[in-house]
Amino acid sequence: AEAADRLHRLHADARDALDENGKTAEPGVDTWEATNLLCVARVLVEAARRREETRGCHWREDRPGRDDTAWRRHIVVRLNPDRSLAVRTTDTTDFPPTLPQAQEQ
């Protein structure tokens, strides 16, 4: 929660600077890398917050065991046009996730 809060504040500060000044920093590799790292950090933290079990390198001290029944699923994170994150868990274990036949059409 603390990591998510700090990342949210960094993102909000950058967004506010963009709204006020039309840009947050001079364009360049360092700026793009920092922007990308912030985005990836936000995605990782939100996915980790969503997963309520230990799986692979994601370790939860409060839930040290795997729970395949509830969590053998994928977490999908999308970046919305307003740069907010949409996080959902799939209903399938397929990789890549597939939609049920009725929803594909």
C-alpha atoms as a PDB file:
ATOM      1  CA  ALA A   1       0.000   0.000   0.000  1.00  0.00           C
ATOM      2  CA  GLU A   2       2.861   2.370   0.812  1.00  0.00           C
ATOM      3  CA  ALA A   3       4.573   1.700  -2.531  1.00  0.00           C
ATOM      4  CA  ALA A   4       1.277   2.224  -4.378  1.00  0.00           C
ATOM      5  CA  ASP A   5       0.694   5.488  -2.518  1.00  0.00           C
ATOM      6  CA  ARG A   6       4.160   6.843  -3.294  1.00  0.00           C
ATOM      7  CA  LEU A   7       3.919   5.846  -6.951  1.00  0.00           C
ATOM      8  CA  HIS A   8       0.473   7.438  -7.169  1.00  0.00           C
ATOM      9  CA  ARG A   9       1.872  10.685  -5.757  1.00  0.00           C
ATOM     10  CA  LEU A  10       4.761  10.682  -8.254  1.00  0.00           C
ATOM     11  CA  HIS A  11       2.334  10.058 -11.106  1.00  0.00           C
ATOM     12  CA  ALA A  12      -0.069  12.760  -9.855  1.00  0.00           C
ATOM     13  CA  ASP A  13       2.767  15.289  -9.494  1.00  0.00           C
ATOM     14  CA  ALA A  14       3.909  14.618 -13.059  1.00  0.00           C
ATOM     15  CA  ARG A  15       0.334  14.815 -14.362  1.00  0.00           C
ATOM     16  CA  ASP A  16      -0.228  18.110 -12.515  1.00  0.00           C
ATOM     17  CA  ALA A  17       2.999  19.554 -13.946  1.00  0.00           C
ATOM     18  CA  LEU A  18       1.865  18.498 -17.408  1.00  0.00           C
ATOM     19  CA  ASP A  19      -1.507  20.203 -16.896  1.00  0.00           C
ATOM     20  CA  GLU A  20       0.151  23.409 -15.645  1.00  0.00           C
ATOM     21  CA  ASN A  21       3.151  23.666 -17.981  1.00  0.00           C
ATOM     22  CA  GLY A  22       2.256  21.560 -21.000  1.00  0.00           C
ATOM     23  CA  LYS A  23       5.181  19.224 -20.243  1.00  0.00           C
ATOM     24  CA  THR A  24       6.865  17.685 -17.232  1.00  0.00           C
ATOM     25  CA  ALA A  25      10.509  17.721 -18.339  1.00  0.00           C
ATOM     26  CA  GLU A  26      12.676  18.230 -21.380  1.00  0.00           C
ATOM     27  CA  PRO A  27      12.173  15.419 -23.901  1.00  0.00           C
ATOM     28  CA  GLY A  28      15.029  12.946 -24.022  1.00  0.00           C
ATOM     29  CA  VAL A  29      16.110   9.428 -23.215  1.00  0.00           C
ATOM     30  CA  ASP A  30      16.353  10.063 -19.454  1.00  0.00           C
ATOM     31  CA  THR A  31      12.811  11.470 -19.338  1.00  0.00           C
ATOM     32  CA  TRP A  32      11.366   8.635 -21.412  1.00  0.00           C
ATOM     33  CA  GLU A  33      13.148   6.022 -19.298  1.00  0.00           C
ATOM     34  CA  ALA A  34      11.885   7.586 -16.071  1.00  0.00           C
ATOM     35  CA  THR A  35       8.339   7.721 -17.453  1.00  0.00           C
ATOM     36  CA  ASN A  36       8.504   4.082 -18.543  1.00  0.00           C
ATOM     37  CA  LEU A  37       9.978   2.957 -15.196  1.00  0.00           C
ATOM     38  CA  LEU A  38       7.215   4.756 -13.314  1.00  0.00           C
ATOM     39  CA  CYS A  39       4.584   3.080 -15.500  1.00  0.00           C
ATOM     40  CA  VAL A  40       6.117  -0.391 -15.049  1.00  0.00           C
ATOM     41  CA  ALA A  41       6.441   0.128 -11.276  1.00  0.00           C
ATOM     42  CA  ARG A  42       2.769   1.127 -11.054  1.00  0.00           C
ATOM     43  CA  VAL A  43       1.718  -1.962 -13.031  1.00  0.00           C
ATOM     44  CA  LEU A  44       3.833  -4.332 -10.919  1.00  0.00           C
ATOM     45  CA  VAL A  45       2.580  -2.913  -7.638  1.00  0.00           C
ATOM     46  CA  GLU A  46      -1.066  -3.055  -8.717  1.00  0.00           C
ATOM     47  CA  ALA A  47      -0.697  -6.644  -9.953  1.00  0.00           C
ATOM     48  CA  ALA A  48       1.039  -7.618  -6.704  1.00  0.00           C
ATOM     49  CA  ARG A  49      -1.738  -5.992  -4.679  1.00  0.00           C
ATOM     50  CA  ARG A  50      -4.337  -7.946  -6.650  1.00  0.00           C
ATOM     51  CA  ARG A  51      -2.675 -11.362  -6.258  1.00  0.00           C
ATOM     52  CA  GLU A  52      -3.598 -12.671  -2.814  1.00  0.00           C
ATOM     53  CA  GLU A  53      -1.270 -15.675  -2.706  1.00  0.00           C
ATOM     54  CA  THR A  54       2.355 -16.697  -3.091  1.00  0.00           C
ATOM     55  CA  ARG A  55       3.162 -17.705  -6.670  1.00  0.00           C
ATOM     56  CA  GLY A  56       6.598 -17.890  -8.267  1.00  0.00           C
ATOM     57  CA  CYS A  57       8.714 -14.942  -7.183  1.00  0.00           C
ATOM     58  CA  HIS A  58       5.663 -13.106  -5.753  1.00  0.00           C
ATOM     59  CA  TRP A  59       5.903 -13.879  -2.044  1.00  0.00           C
ATOM     60  CA  ARG A  60       3.209 -13.060   0.505  1.00  0.00           C
ATOM     61  CA  GLU A  61       4.177 -13.575   4.139  1.00  0.00           C
ATOM     62  CA  ASP A  62       0.495 -13.601   5.114  1.00  0.00           C
ATOM     63  CA  ARG A  63      -0.296 -16.303   2.505  1.00  0.00           C
ATOM     64  CA  PRO A  64       2.816 -18.445   1.932  1.00  0.00           C
ATOM     65  CA  GLY A  65       1.065 -21.179  -0.075  1.00  0.00           C
ATOM     66  CA  ARG A  66      -0.328 -21.315  -3.604  1.00  0.00           C
ATOM     67  CA  ASP A  67      -4.077 -21.348  -4.144  1.00  0.00           C
ATOM     68  CA  ASP A  68      -4.604 -22.783  -7.635  1.00  0.00           C
ATOM     69  CA  THR A  69      -8.375 -22.935  -7.280  1.00  0.00           C
ATOM     70  CA  ALA A  70      -8.748 -19.199  -6.748  1.00  0.00           C
ATOM     71  CA  TRP A  71      -5.593 -17.812  -8.336  1.00  0.00           C
ATOM     72  CA  ARG A  72      -4.481 -19.941 -11.286  1.00  0.00           C
ATOM     73  CA  ARG A  73      -5.476 -17.003 -13.462  1.00  0.00           C
ATOM     74  CA  HIS A  74      -3.831 -14.116 -15.255  1.00  0.00           C
ATOM     75  CA  ILE A  75      -3.818 -10.530 -14.099  1.00  0.00           C
ATOM     76  CA  VAL A  76      -4.335  -8.112 -16.975  1.00  0.00           C
ATOM     77  CA  VAL A  77      -3.350  -4.479 -16.533  1.00  0.00           C
ATOM     78  CA  ARG A  78      -4.244  -1.879 -19.138  1.00  0.00           C
ATOM     79  CA  LEU A  79      -3.236   1.749 -19.335  1.00  0.00           C
ATOM     80  CA  ASN A  80      -6.332   3.900 -19.888  1.00  0.00           C
ATOM     81  CA  PRO A  81      -6.223   7.040 -22.070  1.00  0.00           C
ATOM     82  CA  ASP A  82      -6.116   9.163 -18.897  1.00  0.00           C
ATOM     83  CA  ARG A  83      -3.025   7.127 -17.814  1.00  0.00           C
ATOM     84  CA  SER A  84      -4.912   5.415 -14.967  1.00  0.00           C
ATOM     85  CA  LEU A  85      -4.618   1.640 -14.662  1.00  0.00           C
ATOM     86  CA  ALA A  86      -7.422  -0.863 -15.241  1.00  0.00           C
ATOM     87  CA  VAL A  87      -6.656  -4.133 -13.431  1.00  0.00           C
ATOM     88  CA  ARG A  88      -8.638  -7.337 -13.812  1.00  0.00           C
ATOM     89  CA  THR A  89      -8.210 -11.056 -13.278  1.00  0.00           C
ATOM     90  CA  THR A  90      -9.091 -13.417 -16.127  1.00  0.00           C
ATOM     91  CA  ASP A  91     -11.547 -16.271 -15.813  1.00  0.00           C
ATOM     92  CA  THR A  92      -9.251 -18.637 -17.710  1.00  0.00           C
ATOM     93  CA  THR A  93      -5.874 -20.298 -17.169  1.00  0.00           C
ATOM     94  CA  ASP A  94      -5.183 -20.215 -20.928  1.00  0.00           C
ATOM     95  CA  PHE A  95      -2.157 -18.281 -22.079  1.00  0.00           C
ATOM     96  CA  PRO A  96      -2.693 -15.929 -23.694  1.00  0.00           C
ATOM     97  CA  PRO A  97      -6.054 -15.497 -21.992  1.00  0.00           C
ATOM     98  CA  THR A  98      -8.986 -16.423 -24.207  1.00  0.00           C
ATOM     99  CA  LEU A  99     -12.614 -15.417 -24.058  1.00  0.00           C
ATOM    100  CA  PRO A 100     -15.369 -18.003 -23.701  1.00  0.00           C
ATOM    101  CA  GLN A 101     -16.881 -18.986 -27.080  1.00  0.00           C
ATOM    102  CA  ALA A 102     -20.060 -16.932 -26.517  1.00  0.00           C
ATOM    103  CA  GLN A 103     -18.079 -13.690 -26.029  1.00  0.00           C
ATOM    104  CA  GLU A 104     -15.704 -14.043 -28.995  1.00  0.00           C
ATOM    105  CA  GLN A 105     -18.248 -12.918 -31.608  1.00  0.00           C
END
